[in-house]
Protein backbone atom coordinates (compact mmCIF):
# COMPACT_ATOMS: atom_id res chain seq x y z
CA MET A 1 -10.52 46.67 -24.73
CA THR A 2 -6.27 46.41 -24.39
CA ASP A 3 -6.44 50.62 -23.03
CA PHE A 4 -7.84 50.00 -19.65
CA THR A 5 -5.74 51.48 -17.12
CA GLU A 6 -4.78 50.52 -13.34
CA GLU A 7 -6.56 54.01 -12.77
CA GLN A 8 -10.38 52.50 -14.17
CA ALA A 9 -9.64 49.24 -12.54
CA LEU A 10 -9.46 51.09 -8.89
CA LYS A 11 -12.58 52.89 -9.76
CA MET A 12 -13.95 49.45 -10.50
CA ASP A 13 -17.04 48.79 -7.45
CA HIS A 14 -18.26 45.51 -8.90
CA ALA A 15 -16.74 42.12 -10.58
CA LEU A 16 -16.71 42.58 -14.32
CA GLU A 17 -18.91 40.06 -16.39
CA HIS A 18 -16.25 39.84 -19.21
CA PHE A 19 -12.91 39.38 -20.21
CA LEU A 20 -10.45 42.76 -21.16
CA ILE A 21 -8.73 41.30 -22.92
CA LYS A 22 -8.02 38.20 -25.03
CA LEU A 23 -4.96 35.39 -24.76
CA GLU A 24 -3.01 36.62 -28.23
CA ASP A 25 -2.97 40.05 -26.40
CA ASN A 26 -0.22 38.85 -23.49
CA LYS A 27 2.35 40.14 -25.73
CA PHE A 28 5.18 39.69 -23.07
CA GLY A 29 3.66 35.81 -22.73
CA ILE A 30 2.85 36.07 -19.00
CA ARG A 31 1.65 32.79 -17.59
CA PHE A 32 0.11 32.28 -14.04
CA ASN A 33 2.01 28.55 -13.47
CA GLY A 34 0.40 27.46 -10.83
CA PHE A 35 0.04 28.90 -6.87
CA ARG A 36 0.07 27.56 -3.14
CA LEU A 37 -2.24 29.43 -0.58
CA ARG A 38 -2.13 28.79 2.57
CA ASP A 39 -2.38 30.86 6.01
CA LEU A 40 1.06 31.99 7.82
CA LYS A 41 0.11 31.83 11.07
CA THR A 42 -1.01 27.82 10.90
CA GLY A 43 0.55 26.88 7.40
CA LYS A 44 -2.50 25.89 6.51
CA ILE A 45 -2.86 25.04 2.77
CA TYR A 46 -6.29 25.55 1.23
CA HIS A 47 -4.95 25.11 -2.28
CA GLU A 48 -2.17 24.06 -4.42
CA TYR A 49 -1.69 23.17 -8.11
CA TYR A 50 1.78 23.31 -10.80
CA PRO A 51 0.79 21.91 -13.44
CA LYS A 52 2.94 20.18 -15.31
CA ASP A 53 2.53 21.43 -19.37
CA PRO A 54 3.56 25.43 -18.66
CA TYR A 55 0.50 26.19 -20.96
CA GLU A 56 -2.21 23.87 -19.37
CA LEU A 57 -3.53 27.18 -17.71
CA ASP A 58 -4.09 29.44 -20.64
CA TYR A 59 -7.61 28.02 -20.91
CA PHE A 60 -8.51 30.24 -18.07
CA ALA A 61 -7.49 33.51 -19.82
CA ASP A 62 -11.40 33.28 -21.28
CA HIS A 63 -13.00 31.32 -19.02
CA MET A 64 -13.78 32.19 -15.07
CA LEU A 65 -12.16 30.63 -12.09
CA ASP A 66 -13.94 28.53 -9.66
CA TYR A 67 -12.73 27.90 -6.11
CA PRO A 68 -14.89 25.90 -3.56
CA PHE A 69 -12.81 27.13 0.04
CA PRO A 70 -14.16 26.70 3.21
CA ASN A 71 -15.15 30.03 5.24
CA ASP A 72 -12.46 29.79 7.96
CA ILE A 73 -10.16 30.89 5.14
CA ILE A 74 -11.98 34.45 5.69
CA LYS A 75 -12.64 34.63 9.25
CA GLY A 76 -10.71 36.43 11.73
CA GLN A 77 -8.82 38.63 9.69
CA LYS A 78 -6.00 36.48 9.03
CA GLN A 79 -3.06 36.52 7.29
CA LEU A 80 -2.18 34.82 3.89
CA GLY A 81 0.65 33.83 1.85
CA THR A 82 -0.12 32.76 -1.60
CA SER A 83 3.19 31.98 -4.29
CA LEU A 84 2.86 32.30 -7.34
CA LYS A 85 4.57 30.94 -9.89
CA LEU A 86 4.70 33.56 -12.66
CA VAL A 87 6.54 32.74 -16.30
CA VAL A 88 7.55 35.30 -19.22
CA GLY A 89 8.18 35.09 -22.97
CA ASP A 90 11.10 35.79 -25.01
CA GLN A 91 10.66 39.99 -23.88
CA LEU A 92 12.05 41.75 -20.76
CA VAL A 93 8.97 43.00 -18.74
CA LYS A 94 9.84 46.01 -16.76
CA ASN A 95 7.16 47.85 -14.38
CA LEU A 96 4.66 45.00 -13.96
CA VAL A 97 1.69 45.69 -11.17
CA LEU A 98 -0.69 43.38 -10.54
CA LEU A 99 -3.42 43.98 -9.01
CA GLU A 100 -6.51 41.94 -7.49
CA ARG A 101 -9.60 43.79 -6.36
CA HIS A 102 -12.14 41.05 -4.52
CA TYR A 103 -15.22 41.62 -4.42
CA ILE A 104 -17.48 39.81 -1.54
CA GLU A 105 -21.79 39.23 -1.89
CA GLY A 106 -21.21 41.70 -4.58
CA LYS A 107 -19.21 44.98 -3.03
CA LEU A 108 -15.63 45.36 -2.65
CA ALA A 109 -14.32 43.69 0.03
CA ALA A 110 -9.94 44.45 -0.61
CA ASN A 111 -7.64 45.79 -3.28
CA PHE A 112 -4.24 43.92 -3.29
CA ARG A 113 -1.37 45.67 -5.83
CA PHE A 114 1.73 44.53 -5.81
CA VAL A 115 4.76 45.64 -8.19
CA PHE A 116 7.98 44.10 -9.89
CA PRO A 117 10.44 46.38 -11.29
CA ALA A 118 11.24 44.01 -13.92
CA PHE A 119 11.16 40.58 -14.91
CA ILE A 120 14.15 38.81 -17.24
CA PRO A 121 12.96 36.95 -20.85
CA LYS A 122 12.45 33.33 -20.42
CA SER A 123 12.41 33.40 -16.69
CA SER A 124 10.16 31.78 -14.36
CA ASN A 125 9.66 33.09 -11.33
CA ASP A 126 8.46 32.01 -7.72
CA VAL A 127 7.03 34.97 -5.74
CA GLU A 128 4.78 35.29 -2.34
CA PHE A 129 2.27 37.62 -1.42
CA ILE A 130 1.64 38.69 1.22
CA TYR A 131 -1.75 40.25 2.82
CA SER A 132 -4.78 40.29 5.56
CA ILE A 133 -8.24 39.69 5.29
CA PRO A 134 -9.65 42.15 5.33
CA LYS A 135 -12.43 42.42 8.24
CA LEU A 136 -15.84 41.06 7.11
CA SER A 137 -19.38 42.77 7.02
CA PRO A 138 -21.81 42.53 9.86
CA GLU A 139 -24.18 40.33 7.13
CA ILE A 140 -21.72 38.87 6.28
CA GLU A 141 -20.22 37.38 9.40
CA GLU A 142 -23.80 36.94 10.14
CA LYS A 143 -23.90 34.30 7.07
CA ILE A 144 -20.59 32.60 8.01
CA ASN A 145 -22.72 31.75 11.80
CA LYS A 146 -25.51 30.79 10.26
CA GLY A 147 -23.27 28.60 8.30
CA GLU A 148 -24.27 29.88 5.02
CA ASP A 149 -22.61 29.71 1.75
CA VAL A 150 -20.69 32.86 1.04
CA HIS A 151 -20.01 34.60 -2.98
CA ALA A 152 -17.26 36.50 -4.12
CA GLU A 153 -16.00 37.44 -7.33
CA SER A 154 -12.29 38.95 -8.44
CA ASP A 155 -10.60 40.04 -11.07
CA THR A 156 -6.78 39.91 -11.57
CA PHE A 157 -5.34 42.88 -13.77
CA VAL A 158 -1.71 42.34 -14.98
CA PHE A 159 -0.25 45.87 -16.35
CA VAL A 160 3.32 46.02 -18.25
CA ASP A 161 4.86 49.49 -18.27
CA GLY A 162 1.22 50.89 -17.80
CA LYS A 163 -0.40 48.48 -20.39
CA LEU A 164 -3.46 45.87 -19.68
CA ASN A 165 -1.49 42.43 -20.69
CA VAL A 166 -3.40 39.82 -18.41
CA HIS A 167 -7.02 39.83 -16.91
CA ARG A 168 -7.88 36.66 -14.85
CA ARG A 169 -11.62 36.12 -13.26
CA ALA A 170 -12.44 34.21 -10.86
CA LYS A 171 -15.59 33.20 -8.04
CA TYR A 172 -15.32 31.83 -4.69
CA THR A 173 -17.73 29.40 -2.76
CA TYR A 174 -16.63 30.14 0.97
CA TYR A 175 -18.98 26.92 2.85
CA ASP A 176 -18.94 26.14 6.00
CA ALA A 177 -16.52 22.59 6.04
CA SER A 178 -17.89 21.12 9.60
CA LYS A 179 -21.22 20.51 7.42
CA ASN A 180 -21.38 17.57 5.07
CA ASN A 181 -20.53 19.75 1.77
CA ASP A 182 -20.45 19.26 -1.66
CA ASN A 183 -18.09 21.96 -2.53
CA GLU A 184 -15.47 19.86 -0.68
CA GLU A 185 -12.25 18.42 -2.89
């Protein structure tokens, strides 16, 4: 389903249960080649991964990513920075929109939209997105205070000139790091 639009994505009220596009439909060769997630105030790094093989992460074109994170990442409306290495194929990429929809416990919690006018062919681009964690609902705050896991999902869409080119899906478990927890890396 490559005729999926940004407007449709913005109307979604829950995470999708399937992928909208296949790896071979990525006609611009756009690849996520690693990223780092950090707290801007403290500098704490929650996740960092940059593979040596630029094709290693292609597996996630049609497989759900699964991240365990300590729940302090979503506490307190902190600002986060996500540094991303974005690689492009043989063609000029114009009007790239990266749209992320995050759902906590099944409810839309955040929507992030980043726009890039152009990427030159065969380039590797380091970009950093800065965003604030939204205020959590009282129910989610209560779960965190009780030390319960909080579950979330996201859809990441990459549009080029208004057409869907990449779709990634992820799920997250935010756990109490002060407990002896099997989620810790």
